[in-house]
Each structure stands twice: as C-alpha cells, then as structure tokens.
PDB file of N, CA and C in Angstrom:
ATOM      1  N   UNK A   1       0.852  -1.170   0.000  1.00  0.00           N
ATOM      2  CA  UNK A   1       0.000   0.000   0.000  1.00  0.00           C
ATOM      3  C   UNK A   1       0.902   1.239   0.000  1.00  0.00           C
ATOM      4  N   UNK A   2       0.598   2.194  -0.879  1.00  0.00           N
ATOM      5  CA  UNK A   2       1.413   3.400  -0.973  1.00  0.00           C
ATOM      6  C   UNK A   2       0.707   4.584  -0.307  1.00  0.00           C
ATOM      7  N   UNK A   3       1.429   5.698  -0.206  1.00  0.00           N
ATOM      8  CA  UNK A   3       0.905   6.850   0.526  1.00  0.00           C
ATOM      9  C   UNK A   3      -0.332   7.455  -0.132  1.00  0.00           C
ATOM     10  N   UNK A   4      -0.430   7.369  -1.454  1.00  0.00           N
ATOM     11  CA  UNK A   4      -1.620   7.895  -2.125  1.00  0.00           C
ATOM     12  C   UNK A   4      -2.861   7.081  -1.769  1.00  0.00           C
ATOM     13  N   UNK A   5      -2.699   5.785  -1.684  1.00  0.00           N
ATOM     14  CA  UNK A   5      -3.821   4.931  -1.309  1.00  0.00           C
ATOM     15  C   UNK A   5      -4.288   5.257   0.114  1.00  0.00           C
ATOM     16  N   UNK A   6      -3.337   5.379   1.027  1.00  0.00           N
ATOM     17  CA  UNK A   6      -3.677   5.639   2.427  1.00  0.00           C
ATOM     18  C   UNK A   6      -4.321   7.010   2.581  1.00  0.00           C
ATOM     19  N   UNK A   7      -3.672   8.036   2.060  1.00  0.00           N
ATOM     20  CA  UNK A   7      -4.198   9.400   2.207  1.00  0.00           C
ATOM     21  C   UNK A   7      -5.546   9.534   1.517  1.00  0.00           C
ATOM     22  N   UNK A   8      -5.692   8.914   0.364  1.00  0.00           N
ATOM     23  CA  UNK A   8      -6.965   8.981  -0.347  1.00  0.00           C
ATOM     24  C   UNK A   8      -8.099   8.355   0.438  1.00  0.00           C
ATOM     25  N   UNK A   9      -7.845   7.222   1.022  1.00  0.00           N
ATOM     26  CA  UNK A   9      -8.898   6.550   1.794  1.00  0.00           C
ATOM     27  C   UNK A   9      -9.218   7.303   3.081  1.00  0.00           C
ATOM     28  N   UNK A  10      -8.209   7.902   3.702  1.00  0.00           N
ATOM     29  CA  UNK A  10      -8.445   8.716   4.896  1.00  0.00           C
ATOM     30  C   UNK A  10      -9.283   9.936   4.533  1.00  0.00           C
ATOM     31  N   UNK A  11      -8.927  10.607   3.448  1.00  0.00           N
ATOM     32  CA  UNK A  11      -9.700  11.776   3.013  1.00  0.00           C
ATOM     33  C   UNK A  11     -11.122  11.388   2.641  1.00  0.00           C
ATOM     34  N   UNK A  12     -11.265  10.242   2.024  1.00  0.00           N
ATOM     35  CA  UNK A  12     -12.597   9.763   1.650  1.00  0.00           C
ATOM     36  C   UNK A  12     -13.469   9.570   2.894  1.00  0.00           C
ATOM     37  N   UNK A  13     -12.907   8.935   3.910  1.00  0.00           N
ATOM     38  CA  UNK A  13     -13.648   8.697   5.147  1.00  0.00           C
ATOM     39  C   UNK A  13     -13.940  10.009   5.872  1.00  0.00           C
ATOM     40  N   UNK A  14     -12.961  10.892   5.919  1.00  0.00           N
ATOM     41  CA  UNK A  14     -13.151  12.183   6.576  1.00  0.00           C
ATOM     42  C   UNK A  14     -14.236  12.983   5.864  1.00  0.00           C
ATOM     43  N   UNK A  15     -14.230  12.925   4.557  1.00  0.00           N
ATOM     44  CA  UNK A  15     -15.255  13.619   3.784  1.00  0.00           C
ATOM     45  C   UNK A  15     -16.647  13.106   4.077  1.00  0.00           C
ATOM     46  N   UNK A  16     -16.777  11.796   4.229  1.00  0.00           N
ATOM     47  CA  UNK A  16     -18.085  11.217   4.549  1.00  0.00           C
ATOM     48  C   UNK A  16     -18.571  11.693   5.917  1.00  0.00           C
ATOM     49  N   UNK A  17     -17.641  11.779   6.874  1.00  0.00           N
ATOM     50  CA  UNK A  17     -17.999  12.244   8.220  1.00  0.00           C
ATOM     51  C   UNK A  17     -18.442  13.708   8.159  1.00  0.00           C
ATOM     52  N   UNK A  18     -17.689  14.534   7.449  1.00  0.00           N
ATOM     53  CA  UNK A  18     -18.054  15.954   7.321  1.00  0.00           C
ATOM     54  C   UNK A  18     -19.401  16.110   6.631  1.00  0.00           C
ATOM     55  N   UNK A  19     -19.616  15.314   5.588  1.00  0.00           N
ATOM     56  CA  UNK A  19     -20.884  15.388   4.859  1.00  0.00           C
ATOM     57  C   UNK A  19     -22.051  15.035   5.781  1.00  0.00           C
ATOM     58  N   UNK A  20     -21.891  13.971   6.541  1.00  0.00           N
ATOM     59  CA  UNK A  20     -22.954  13.549   7.461  1.00  0.00           C
ATOM     60  C   UNK A  20     -23.171  14.593   8.554  1.00  0.00           C
ATOM     61  N   UNK A  21     -22.087  15.142   9.075  1.00  0.00           N
ATOM     62  CA  UNK A  21     -22.204  16.167  10.119  1.00  0.00           C
ATOM     63  C   UNK A  21     -22.912  17.396   9.569  1.00  0.00           C
ATOM     64  N   UNK A  22     -22.589  17.760   8.348  1.00  0.00           N
ATOM     65  CA  UNK A  22     -23.249  18.902   7.722  1.00  0.00           C
ATOM     66  C   UNK A  22     -24.745  18.683   7.567  1.00  0.00           C
ATOM     67  N   UNK A  23     -25.125  17.467   7.216  1.00  0.00           N
ATOM     68  CA  UNK A  23     -26.549  17.147   7.090  1.00  0.00           C
ATOM     69  C   UNK A  23     -27.239  17.225   8.445  1.00  0.00           C
ATOM     70  N   UNK A  24     -26.593  16.672   9.479  1.00  0.00           N
ATOM     71  CA  UNK A  24     -27.199  16.615  10.807  1.00  0.00           C
ATOM     72  C   UNK A  24     -27.410  18.015  11.382  1.00  0.00           C
ATOM     73  N   UNK A  25     -26.399  18.866  11.278  1.00  0.00           N
ATOM     74  CA  UNK A  25     -26.509  20.201  11.868  1.00  0.00           C
ATOM     75  C   UNK A  25     -27.125  21.225  10.923  1.00  0.00           C
ATOM     76  N   UNK A  26     -27.417  20.813   9.705  1.00  0.00           N
ATOM     77  CA  UNK A  26     -28.045  21.710   8.743  1.00  0.00           C
ATOM     78  C   UNK A  26     -27.094  22.748   8.184  1.00  0.00           C
ATOM     79  N   UNK A  27     -25.831  22.342   7.998  1.00  0.00           N
ATOM     80  CA  UNK A  27     -24.820  23.251   7.467  1.00  0.00           C
ATOM     81  C   UNK A  27     -24.463  22.813   6.047  1.00  0.00           C
ATOM     82  N   UNK A  28     -25.054  23.461   5.045  1.00  0.00           N
ATOM     83  CA  UNK A  28     -24.796  23.031   3.658  1.00  0.00           C
ATOM     84  C   UNK A  28     -23.344  23.229   3.226  1.00  0.00           C
ATOM     85  N   UNK A  29     -22.656  24.219   3.807  1.00  0.00           N
ATOM     86  CA  UNK A  29     -21.253  24.444   3.459  1.00  0.00           C
ATOM     87  C   UNK A  29     -20.396  23.271   3.917  1.00  0.00           C
ATOM     88  N   UNK A  30     -20.600  22.823   5.150  1.00  0.00           N
ATOM     89  CA  UNK A  30     -19.853  21.683   5.670  1.00  0.00           C
ATOM     90  C   UNK A  30     -20.180  20.425   4.875  1.00  0.00           C
ATOM     91  N   UNK A  31     -21.434  20.267   4.533  1.00  0.00           N
ATOM     92  CA  UNK A  31     -21.852  19.114   3.727  1.00  0.00           C
ATOM     93  C   UNK A  31     -21.154  19.117   2.366  1.00  0.00           C
ATOM     94  N   UNK A  32     -21.091  20.267   1.732  1.00  0.00           N
ATOM     95  CA  UNK A  32     -20.438  20.389   0.424  1.00  0.00           C
ATOM     96  C   UNK A  32     -18.935  20.128   0.544  1.00  0.00           C
ATOM     97  N   UNK A  33     -18.309  20.696   1.581  1.00  0.00           N
ATOM     98  CA  UNK A  33     -16.875  20.459   1.790  1.00  0.00           C
ATOM     99  C   UNK A  33     -16.603  18.970   1.983  1.00  0.00           C
ATOM    100  N   UNK A  34     -17.498  18.288   2.690  1.00  0.00           N
ATOM    101  CA  UNK A  34     -17.358  16.853   2.881  1.00  0.00           C
ATOM    102  C   UNK A  34     -17.462  16.088   1.574  1.00  0.00           C
ATOM    103  N   UNK A  35     -18.405  16.485   0.737  1.00  0.00           N
ATOM    104  CA  UNK A  35     -18.554  15.828  -0.567  1.00  0.00           C
ATOM    105  C   UNK A  35     -17.306  16.023  -1.422  1.00  0.00           C
ATOM    106  N   UNK A  36     -16.786  17.249  -1.409  1.00  0.00           N
ATOM    107  CA  UNK A  36     -15.592  17.539  -2.199  1.00  0.00           C
ATOM    108  C   UNK A  36     -14.399  16.752  -1.675  1.00  0.00           C
ATOM    109  N   UNK A  37     -14.212  16.744  -0.358  1.00  0.00           N
ATOM    110  CA  UNK A  37     -13.083  16.005   0.213  1.00  0.00           C
ATOM    111  C   UNK A  37     -13.218  14.516  -0.062  1.00  0.00           C
ATOM    112  N   UNK A  38     -14.423  13.984   0.024  1.00  0.00           N
ATOM    113  CA  UNK A  38     -14.641  12.574  -0.273  1.00  0.00           C
ATOM    114  C   UNK A  38     -14.322  12.235  -1.726  1.00  0.00           C
ATOM    115  N   UNK A  39     -14.721  13.124  -2.622  1.00  0.00           N
ATOM    116  CA  UNK A  39     -14.467  12.890  -4.044  1.00  0.00           C
ATOM    117  C   UNK A  39     -12.976  12.968  -4.356  1.00  0.00           C
ATOM    118  N   UNK A  40     -12.289  13.949  -3.798  1.00  0.00           N
ATOM    119  CA  UNK A  40     -10.850  14.049  -4.048  1.00  0.00           C
ATOM    120  C   UNK A  40     -10.110  12.875  -3.428  1.00  0.00           C
ATOM    121  N   UNK A  41     -10.585  12.411  -2.285  1.00  0.00           N
ATOM    122  CA  UNK A  41      -9.981  11.239  -1.670  1.00  0.00           C
ATOM    123  C   UNK A  41     -10.150   9.996  -2.519  1.00  0.00           C
ATOM    124  N   UNK A  42     -11.312   9.877  -3.125  1.00  0.00           N
ATOM    125  CA  UNK A  42     -11.572   8.732  -3.995  1.00  0.00           C
ATOM    126  C   UNK A  42     -10.651   8.744  -5.206  1.00  0.00           C
ATOM    127  N   UNK A  43     -10.448   9.923  -5.781  1.00  0.00           N
ATOM    128  CA  UNK A  43      -9.556  10.060  -6.934  1.00  0.00           C
ATOM    129  C   UNK A  43      -8.115   9.728  -6.540  1.00  0.00           C
ATOM    130  N   UNK A  44      -7.685  10.252  -5.392  1.00  0.00           N
ATOM    131  CA  UNK A  44      -6.312   9.992  -4.956  1.00  0.00           C
ATOM    132  C   UNK A  44      -6.103   8.509  -4.657  1.00  0.00           C
ATOM    133  N   UNK A  45      -7.087   7.869  -4.050  1.00  0.00           N
ATOM    134  CA  UNK A  45      -6.980   6.436  -3.766  1.00  0.00           C
ATOM    135  C   UNK A  45      -6.908   5.635  -5.066  1.00  0.00           C
ATOM    136  N   UNK A  46      -7.707   6.028  -6.048  1.00  0.00           N
ATOM    137  CA  UNK A  46      -7.671   5.336  -7.339  1.00  0.00           C
ATOM    138  C   UNK A  46      -6.319   5.527  -8.022  1.00  0.00           C
ATOM    139  N   UNK A  47      -5.757   6.731  -7.909  1.00  0.00           N
ATOM    140  CA  UNK A  47      -4.428   6.988  -8.451  1.00  0.00           C
ATOM    141  C   UNK A  47      -3.401   6.091  -7.763  1.00  0.00           C
ATOM    142  N   UNK A  48      -3.502   5.988  -6.448  1.00  0.00           N
ATOM    143  CA  UNK A  48      -2.602   5.115  -5.692  1.00  0.00           C
ATOM    144  C   UNK A  48      -2.763   3.657  -6.082  1.00  0.00           C
ATOM    145  N   UNK A  49      -4.002   3.237  -6.311  1.00  0.00           N
ATOM    146  CA  UNK A  49      -4.255   1.862  -6.755  1.00  0.00           C
ATOM    147  C   UNK A  49      -3.597   1.603  -8.107  1.00  0.00           C
ATOM    148  N   UNK A  50      -3.718   2.577  -9.011  1.00  0.00           N
ATOM    149  CA  UNK A  50      -3.115   2.428 -10.337  1.00  0.00           C
ATOM    150  C   UNK A  50      -1.591   2.350 -10.233  1.00  0.00           C
ATOM    151  N   UNK A  51      -1.011   3.209  -9.396  1.00  0.00           N
ATOM    152  CA  UNK A  51       0.442   3.166  -9.203  1.00  0.00           C
ATOM    153  C   UNK A  51       0.885   1.805  -8.659  1.00  0.00           C
ATOM    154  N   UNK A  52       0.106   1.275  -7.742  1.00  0.00           N
ATOM    155  CA  UNK A  52       0.442  -0.020  -7.142  1.00  0.00           C
ATOM    156  C   UNK A  52       0.360  -1.139  -8.177  1.00  0.00           C
ATOM    157  N   UNK A  53      -0.659  -1.077  -9.028  1.00  0.00           N
ATOM    158  CA  UNK A  53      -0.797  -2.090 -10.079  1.00  0.00           C
ATOM    159  C   UNK A  53       0.373  -2.021 -11.062  1.00  0.00           C
ATOM    160  N   UNK A  54       0.770  -0.822 -11.413  1.00  0.00           N
ATOM    161  CA  UNK A  54       1.912  -0.662 -12.322  1.00  0.00           C
ATOM    162  C   UNK A  54       3.180  -1.210 -11.669  1.00  0.00           C
ATOM    163  N   UNK A  55       3.355  -0.902 -10.401  1.00  0.00           N
ATOM    164  CA  UNK A  55       4.537  -1.381  -9.672  1.00  0.00           C
ATOM    165  C   UNK A  55       4.540  -2.909  -9.623  1.00  0.00           C
ATOM    166  N   UNK A  56       3.396  -3.495  -9.356  1.00  0.00           N
ATOM    167  CA  UNK A  56       3.298  -4.955  -9.291  1.00  0.00           C
ATOM    168  C   UNK A  56       3.562  -5.591 -10.655  1.00  0.00           C
ATOM    169  N   UNK A  57       3.015  -4.987 -11.696  1.00  0.00           N
ATOM    170  CA  UNK A  57       3.171  -5.588 -13.029  1.00  0.00           C
ATOM    171  C   UNK A  57       4.604  -5.479 -13.532  1.00  0.00           C
ATOM    172  N   UNK A  58       5.312  -4.440 -13.148  1.00  0.00           N
ATOM    173  CA  UNK A  58       6.701  -4.315 -13.600  1.00  0.00           C
ATOM    174  C   UNK A  58       7.620  -5.240 -12.809  1.00  0.00           C
ATOM    175  N   UNK A  59       7.257  -5.573 -11.594  1.00  0.00           N
ATOM    176  CA  UNK A  59       8.067  -6.511 -10.796  1.00  0.00           C
ATOM    177  C   UNK A  59       7.876  -7.951 -11.251  1.00  0.00           C
ATOM    178  N   UNK A  60       6.702  -8.255 -11.764  1.00  0.00           N
ATOM    179  CA  UNK A  60       6.381  -9.625 -12.152  1.00  0.00           C
ATOM    180  C   UNK A  60       7.181 -10.065 -13.378  1.00  0.00           C
ATOM    181  N   UNK A  61       7.693  -9.148 -14.140  1.00  0.00           N
ATOM    182  CA  UNK A  61       8.377  -9.495 -15.387  1.00  0.00           C
ATOM    183  C   UNK A  61       9.815  -9.849 -15.153  1.00  0.00           C
TER     184      UNK A  61
END
C-alpha cells in the first residue's frame, strides 16, 4: 500500500464524516466540503491503486 492509497482513503472517510455532520446540523457548506473532500480522496486512492498495479506488473516481469 502506498501513501496515495492511504491518504486517499483517509480523506474519503473524513469527507463522509463531514458530509454527514453537515446534514445533521443543517450546514450546507460543511456538507459540500465533505462531498468535495470525499471525491478528491476517492480520486487519490484510485491513483494510488493504479500506481500499485503498475509497480506490481513491472516486478512480475
């Protein structure tokens, strides 16, 4: 597991918490920030997954 995978998944989880908190307290700004952080975390995790797959495939040869 690389740092992009870890940071992406942490940001994804943090974003979900912020989004839920924003919904509960009725704060649309916090909810939106949570959605954005979750989405960027998902992208970063996917980037990390791709890097890991490339690393694995180059080692296998």
